[in-house]
Amino acid sequence: LFPSSRKLNCTWSNVVKLGQSLYREKPGQDKHRPKQATPVENFFLAGSYTYQDYLDSMEGATRSGLMVADEIILGLMEL
């Protein structure tokens, strides 16, 4: 990915494990999570709290950002 990094040596690393890093969602709560597109023109929401397949996690935040990008592209195609 970064060719210049091939010459670097890792001098320190750390793994952080959180036993309860995800919250437990009750059935039927997805309806309260906002979608990425909003009623406000050119205003989008991205983050792990938004409506997407993964609960509150880095994967969910990433997926949400990709979904926002899709919404933006769709909006550009409508111009």
C-alpha atoms as a PDB file:
ATOM      1  CA  LEU A   1       0.000   0.000   0.000  1.00  0.00           C
ATOM      2  CA  PHE A   2       2.750   2.455   0.962  1.00  0.00           C
ATOM      3  CA  PRO A   3       6.020   1.518  -0.809  1.00  0.00           C
ATOM      4  CA  SER A   4       8.080   3.905   1.326  1.00  0.00           C
ATOM      5  CA  SER A   5       7.036   2.000   4.461  1.00  0.00           C
ATOM      6  CA  ARG A   6       8.869  -1.171   3.400  1.00  0.00           C
ATOM      7  CA  LYS A   7      12.075   0.149   4.939  1.00  0.00           C
ATOM      8  CA  LEU A   8      10.460   0.940   8.290  1.00  0.00           C
ATOM      9  CA  ASN A   9      10.730  -1.263  11.370  1.00  0.00           C
ATOM     10  CA  CYS A  10       7.853  -1.653  13.799  1.00  0.00           C
ATOM     11  CA  THR A  11       9.119  -0.624  17.231  1.00  0.00           C
ATOM     12  CA  TRP A  12       5.891  -0.903  19.212  1.00  0.00           C
ATOM     13  CA  SER A  13       2.397  -2.350  18.869  1.00  0.00           C
ATOM     14  CA  ASN A  14      -0.592  -2.954  21.093  1.00  0.00           C
ATOM     15  CA  VAL A  15      -3.865  -4.860  20.833  1.00  0.00           C
ATOM     16  CA  VAL A  16      -6.832  -3.491  22.744  1.00  0.00           C
ATOM     17  CA  LYS A  17      -9.627  -5.913  23.588  1.00  0.00           C
ATOM     18  CA  LEU A  18     -12.901  -4.717  25.030  1.00  0.00           C
ATOM     19  CA  GLY A  19     -15.123  -7.473  26.351  1.00  0.00           C
ATOM     20  CA  GLN A  20     -18.317  -5.472  25.967  1.00  0.00           C
ATOM     21  CA  SER A  21     -17.504  -3.116  23.120  1.00  0.00           C
ATOM     22  CA  LEU A  22     -20.888  -3.616  21.426  1.00  0.00           C
ATOM     23  CA  TYR A  23     -24.265  -2.817  22.862  1.00  0.00           C
ATOM     24  CA  ARG A  24     -27.124  -5.291  22.837  1.00  0.00           C
ATOM     25  CA  GLU A  25     -30.006  -4.054  20.757  1.00  0.00           C
ATOM     26  CA  LYS A  26     -33.591  -5.057  21.467  1.00  0.00           C
ATOM     27  CA  PRO A  27     -35.746  -6.331  18.581  1.00  0.00           C
ATOM     28  CA  GLY A  28     -37.564  -3.577  16.709  1.00  0.00           C
ATOM     29  CA  GLN A  29     -35.100  -0.787  17.502  1.00  0.00           C
ATOM     30  CA  ASP A  30     -33.778  -0.379  13.941  1.00  0.00           C
ATOM     31  CA  LYS A  31     -36.727   1.880  13.115  1.00  0.00           C
ATOM     32  CA  HIS A  32     -35.190   4.509  15.423  1.00  0.00           C
ATOM     33  CA  ARG A  33     -31.818   4.553  13.634  1.00  0.00           C
ATOM     34  CA  PRO A  34     -31.560   7.352  11.037  1.00  0.00           C
ATOM     35  CA  LYS A  35     -30.888   6.582   7.397  1.00  0.00           C
ATOM     36  CA  GLN A  36     -27.905   8.123   5.614  1.00  0.00           C
ATOM     37  CA  ALA A  37     -30.004  10.393   3.367  1.00  0.00           C
ATOM     38  CA  THR A  38     -31.902  13.120   5.191  1.00  0.00           C
ATOM     39  CA  PRO A  39     -34.759  15.437   4.199  1.00  0.00           C
ATOM     40  CA  VAL A  40     -32.222  18.287   4.108  1.00  0.00           C
ATOM     41  CA  GLU A  41     -30.743  18.712   0.634  1.00  0.00           C
ATOM     42  CA  ASN A  42     -27.051  17.680   0.404  1.00  0.00           C
ATOM     43  CA  PHE A  43     -26.943  16.707   4.090  1.00  0.00           C
ATOM     44  CA  PHE A  44     -26.070  13.107   4.906  1.00  0.00           C
ATOM     45  CA  LEU A  45     -25.399  11.137   8.072  1.00  0.00           C
ATOM     46  CA  ALA A  46     -22.609   8.605   8.498  1.00  0.00           C
ATOM     47  CA  GLY A  47     -21.630   6.679  11.569  1.00  0.00           C
ATOM     48  CA  SER A  48     -22.105   3.458  13.444  1.00  0.00           C
ATOM     49  CA  TYR A  49     -25.391   4.734  14.902  1.00  0.00           C
ATOM     50  CA  THR A  50     -27.079   5.025  11.506  1.00  0.00           C
ATOM     51  CA  TYR A  51     -29.170   2.360   9.811  1.00  0.00           C
ATOM     52  CA  GLN A  52     -26.864  -0.312   8.318  1.00  0.00           C
ATOM     53  CA  ASP A  53     -26.210  -4.030   8.780  1.00  0.00           C
ATOM     54  CA  TYR A  54     -23.636  -3.839  11.578  1.00  0.00           C
ATOM     55  CA  LEU A  55     -24.405  -2.633  15.084  1.00  0.00           C
ATOM     56  CA  ASP A  56     -22.304   0.000  16.782  1.00  0.00           C
ATOM     57  CA  SER A  57     -18.839  -0.904  15.444  1.00  0.00           C
ATOM     58  CA  MET A  58     -16.032   0.317  13.202  1.00  0.00           C
ATOM     59  CA  GLU A  59     -17.387  -1.937  10.459  1.00  0.00           C
ATOM     60  CA  GLY A  60     -20.777  -0.264  10.786  1.00  0.00           C
ATOM     61  CA  ALA A  61     -19.247   3.203  10.609  1.00  0.00           C
ATOM     62  CA  THR A  62     -17.278   2.227   7.501  1.00  0.00           C
ATOM     63  CA  ARG A  63     -20.333   0.679   5.853  1.00  0.00           C
ATOM     64  CA  SER A  64     -22.336   3.788   6.671  1.00  0.00           C
ATOM     65  CA  GLY A  65     -19.720   5.988   4.981  1.00  0.00           C
ATOM     66  CA  LEU A  66     -19.883   3.825   1.873  1.00  0.00           C
ATOM     67  CA  MET A  67     -23.671   4.118   1.891  1.00  0.00           C
ATOM     68  CA  VAL A  68     -23.379   7.923   2.063  1.00  0.00           C
ATOM     69  CA  ALA A  69     -21.035   7.837  -0.932  1.00  0.00           C
ATOM     70  CA  ASP A  70     -23.662   5.804  -2.819  1.00  0.00           C
ATOM     71  CA  GLU A  71     -26.340   8.369  -1.941  1.00  0.00           C
ATOM     72  CA  ILE A  72     -24.129  11.213  -3.183  1.00  0.00           C
ATOM     73  CA  ILE A  73     -23.449   9.412  -6.460  1.00  0.00           C
ATOM     74  CA  LEU A  74     -27.171   8.786  -6.937  1.00  0.00           C
ATOM     75  CA  GLY A  75     -27.831  12.479  -6.367  1.00  0.00           C
ATOM     76  CA  LEU A  76     -25.218  13.456  -8.949  1.00  0.00           C
ATOM     77  CA  MET A  77     -26.757  11.087 -11.494  1.00  0.00           C
ATOM     78  CA  GLU A  78     -30.111  12.865 -11.079  1.00  0.00           C
ATOM     79  CA  LEU A  79     -28.629  16.239 -12.092  1.00  0.00           C
END
